[in-house]
N, C-alpha and C. Protein backbone atom coordinates (compact mmCIF):
# COMPACT_ATOMS: atom_id res chain seq x y z
N MET A 1 82.33 78.82 84.75
CA MET A 1 83.86 78.72 84.73
C MET A 1 84.39 80.14 83.37
N ARG A 2 83.93 80.03 82.51
CA ARG A 2 84.36 80.40 81.22
C ARG A 2 83.72 82.04 81.37
N THR A 3 81.87 82.53 81.74
CA THR A 3 81.60 84.18 81.94
C THR A 3 81.98 83.80 83.48
N PHE A 4 82.54 83.80 84.05
CA PHE A 4 83.21 83.93 85.84
C PHE A 4 84.56 84.60 84.79
N LEU A 5 85.74 84.13 83.69
CA LEU A 5 87.65 84.41 83.68
C LEU A 5 86.13 85.57 83.11
N VAL A 6 85.96 86.20 82.01
CA VAL A 6 85.85 87.08 80.75
C VAL A 6 84.70 88.24 82.00
N ILE A 7 83.74 87.97 82.89
CA ILE A 7 84.27 89.32 83.41
C ILE A 7 85.19 89.93 84.71
N ILE A 8 86.25 88.51 84.88
CA ILE A 8 87.12 89.41 85.77
C ILE A 8 88.44 89.69 84.73
N GLN A 9 88.25 89.53 83.39
CA GLN A 9 89.38 90.10 82.48
C GLN A 9 88.68 91.33 82.04
N PHE A 10 87.24 91.07 81.56
CA PHE A 10 86.49 92.38 81.66
C PHE A 10 87.07 93.61 82.57
N LEU A 11 87.00 93.29 84.01
CA LEU A 11 87.54 94.53 85.65
C LEU A 11 88.65 94.07 85.11
N VAL A 12 90.08 93.41 85.08
CA VAL A 12 91.47 94.20 85.06
C VAL A 12 91.11 94.71 83.79
N CYS A 13 90.71 94.38 82.50
CA CYS A 13 90.82 95.58 81.07
C CYS A 13 90.63 97.16 81.72
N LEU A 14 89.77 97.08 81.93
CA LEU A 14 89.59 98.02 82.51
C LEU A 14 90.19 99.34 83.70
N THR A 15 90.65 97.84 84.48
CA THR A 15 92.00 98.81 85.56
C THR A 15 92.72 99.40 84.62
N LEU A 16 93.15 98.12 84.18
CA LEU A 16 94.34 98.32 82.74
C LEU A 16 94.24 99.90 81.81
N ILE A 17 93.85 99.96 81.86
CA ILE A 17 93.12 100.97 81.18
C ILE A 17 92.91 103.10 81.93
N ILE A 18 92.35 102.56 83.14
CA ILE A 18 92.32 103.76 84.00
C ILE A 18 93.53 104.14 84.29
N SER A 19 94.15 102.97 84.65
CA SER A 19 95.67 102.56 85.23
C SER A 19 96.53 103.64 84.42
N VAL A 20 96.40 103.34 83.41
CA VAL A 20 97.11 104.03 82.05
C VAL A 20 97.32 105.56 82.01
N LEU A 21 95.89 105.37 81.75
CA LEU A 21 95.56 106.96 81.49
C LEU A 21 95.62 108.15 82.31
N LEU A 22 95.75 107.49 83.57
CA LEU A 22 96.08 108.41 84.49
C LEU A 22 97.54 108.85 85.11
N GLN A 23 98.63 107.66 84.44
CA GLN A 23 100.43 108.16 84.40
C GLN A 23 100.46 108.90 84.45
N PRO A 24 101.22 110.25 84.49
CA PRO A 24 101.87 111.31 83.97
C PRO A 24 102.64 111.32 83.12
N GLY A 25 102.97 111.87 81.71
CA GLY A 25 103.35 111.48 81.11
C GLY A 25 105.33 111.97 81.12
N LYS A 26 106.10 110.36 80.99
CA LYS A 26 108.04 110.38 81.33
C LYS A 26 108.47 111.48 80.73
N SER A 27 108.04 112.37 79.79
CA SER A 27 108.44 113.38 78.33
C SER A 27 107.93 115.57 79.65
N ALA A 28 109.13 115.72 79.28
CA ALA A 28 108.30 117.66 80.15
C ALA A 28 108.43 118.14 78.67
N GLY A 29 107.93 117.66 76.95
CA GLY A 29 108.13 118.33 76.09
C GLY A 29 110.00 119.04 75.87
N LEU A 30 109.75 119.60 74.84
CA LEU A 30 111.02 120.57 75.13
C LEU A 30 111.88 121.63 75.91
N SER A 31 111.03 122.19 76.98
CA SER A 31 111.12 122.42 77.93
C SER A 31 112.32 121.35 79.25
N GLY A 32 111.38 119.99 79.32
CA GLY A 32 112.25 119.44 79.56
C GLY A 32 113.69 118.63 79.56
N SER A 33 113.64 119.06 77.93
CA SER A 33 115.08 118.69 77.74
C SER A 33 115.98 119.97 77.67
N ILE A 34 116.40 121.52 77.60
CA ILE A 34 116.43 121.85 78.16
C ILE A 34 117.47 122.10 78.96
N ALA A 35 116.12 121.79 80.10
CA ALA A 35 116.63 122.59 81.70
C ALA A 35 116.15 121.49 82.48
N GLY A 36 115.74 120.17 81.97
CA GLY A 36 115.74 118.87 82.85
C GLY A 36 116.21 118.24 83.10
N GLY A 37 117.73 118.13 82.44
CA GLY A 37 118.51 117.43 82.54
C GLY A 37 119.43 117.60 83.73
N ALA A 38 119.83 117.99 84.65
CA ALA A 38 119.95 118.01 85.79
C ALA A 38 119.13 116.81 87.17
N GLU A 39 117.55 117.45 86.18
CA GLU A 39 116.20 116.55 87.32
C GLU A 39 117.02 115.48 87.00
N GLN A 40 117.80 114.51 85.97
CA GLN A 40 117.54 112.97 86.08
C GLN A 40 119.06 112.99 86.11
N LEU A 41 119.13 113.79 86.82
CA LEU A 41 120.79 113.38 87.50
C LEU A 41 120.88 113.75 88.41
N PHE A 42 120.62 114.71 89.40
CA PHE A 42 119.73 114.26 90.45
C PHE A 42 118.65 113.74 90.95
N GLY A 43 117.53 113.64 90.27
CA GLY A 43 116.44 112.70 90.70
C GLY A 43 115.75 112.95 91.45
N LYS A 44 113.77 113.43 90.51
CA LYS A 44 113.10 113.37 91.45
C LYS A 44 112.73 112.55 92.01
N GLN A 45 112.50 111.87 93.89
CA GLN A 45 111.85 111.05 93.82
C GLN A 45 110.51 109.98 93.76
N LYS A 46 110.34 108.95 92.61
CA LYS A 46 109.32 108.76 92.98
C LYS A 46 108.97 107.53 92.73
N SER A 47 109.84 107.17 93.40
CA SER A 47 109.68 105.63 94.49
C SER A 47 108.12 105.54 95.15
N LYS A 48 108.45 106.77 95.68
CA LYS A 48 106.88 107.14 96.46
C LYS A 48 105.89 107.46 96.18
N GLY A 49 104.36 107.90 96.42
CA GLY A 49 103.51 108.38 95.83
C GLY A 49 103.04 107.94 94.93
N TYR A 50 101.77 109.13 94.24
CA TYR A 50 100.63 107.89 93.83
C TYR A 50 101.17 108.19 92.08
N GLU A 51 102.60 107.86 91.36
CA GLU A 51 103.03 106.89 90.61
C GLU A 51 103.67 106.39 90.71
N ALA A 52 103.93 105.82 91.93
CA ALA A 52 104.73 104.81 92.30
C ALA A 52 103.83 103.69 91.63
N LEU A 53 102.43 104.03 92.52
CA LEU A 53 100.63 103.17 92.34
C LEU A 53 100.44 103.11 91.79
N PHE A 54 100.58 103.72 90.70
CA PHE A 54 99.67 103.28 89.00
C PHE A 54 101.02 102.87 88.73
N ALA A 55 102.15 102.80 88.42
CA ALA A 55 103.22 101.72 87.64
C ALA A 55 102.60 100.27 88.82
N LYS A 56 102.84 100.03 89.87
CA LYS A 56 102.35 98.74 89.92
C LYS A 56 100.92 98.62 89.48
N VAL A 57 99.63 99.05 89.53
CA VAL A 57 99.05 98.20 89.47
C VAL A 57 98.63 98.19 87.78
N THR A 58 99.69 99.31 87.00
CA THR A 58 99.66 99.39 85.14
C THR A 58 100.62 97.80 85.34
N THR A 59 101.87 97.31 85.59
CA THR A 59 102.12 96.36 86.16
C THR A 59 101.59 94.47 86.17
N VAL A 60 100.52 95.33 87.81
CA VAL A 60 100.03 93.57 87.69
C VAL A 60 98.89 93.71 86.72
N SER A 61 97.73 94.92 86.69
CA SER A 61 96.76 94.46 85.87
C SER A 61 97.13 94.16 84.16
N ALA A 62 98.31 94.51 82.95
CA ALA A 62 98.86 93.98 81.94
C ALA A 62 99.38 91.99 82.88
N VAL A 63 99.61 92.42 83.66
CA VAL A 63 99.79 90.55 83.72
C VAL A 63 99.38 89.69 83.68
N LEU A 64 98.00 89.74 84.48
CA LEU A 64 96.59 89.42 84.48
C LEU A 64 96.07 89.60 83.37
N PHE A 65 96.29 90.61 82.96
CA PHE A 65 95.73 90.66 81.77
C PHE A 65 96.17 89.22 80.75
N MET A 66 96.94 89.24 79.87
CA MET A 66 97.77 88.45 79.30
C MET A 66 97.01 86.63 79.46
N VAL A 67 98.01 86.70 81.60
CA VAL A 67 97.19 85.76 81.56
C VAL A 67 95.55 85.22 81.62
N LEU A 68 95.45 85.63 81.68
CA LEU A 68 94.12 85.60 81.78
C LEU A 68 92.81 85.54 80.09
N SER A 69 94.07 85.79 79.37
CA SER A 69 93.52 85.91 78.00
C SER A 69 94.48 84.33 77.52
N VAL A 70 95.78 84.48 78.27
CA VAL A 70 95.60 82.31 77.56
C VAL A 70 95.20 81.30 78.43
N VAL A 71 94.20 81.57 79.65
CA VAL A 71 93.27 80.56 79.53
C VAL A 71 92.42 80.36 79.12
N LEU A 72 91.77 81.60 79.03
CA LEU A 72 90.29 81.84 78.30
C LEU A 72 90.14 80.72 77.22
N VAL A 73 91.65 81.35 76.27
CA VAL A 73 91.79 80.50 75.21
C VAL A 73 91.98 78.72 74.85
N ILE A 74 92.73 78.15 76.51
CA ILE A 74 92.64 77.06 77.02
C ILE A 74 91.22 77.31 76.93
N VAL A 75 90.90 77.63 78.39
CA VAL A 75 89.73 76.70 78.69
C VAL A 75 87.93 76.46 77.05
N LYS A 76 88.29 78.34 76.71
CA LYS A 76 87.50 77.82 75.09
C LYS A 76 86.09 77.82 75.57
């Protein structure tokens, strides 16, 4: 049972690392601070597409990682 949980946690950990690394940055640097204000006000549609997918995958894998970590401590 413990070996199975460790394997699942390893796969979740890899998923979490990959999903975080593939997400685009939130800041646009100096040019974003000058010209990006209108973009934030009127908004870019980020509710669809790969950015939303990576955000959901990151959230789910982070929650799974935390739950599996606690379960593995309890199981010993």
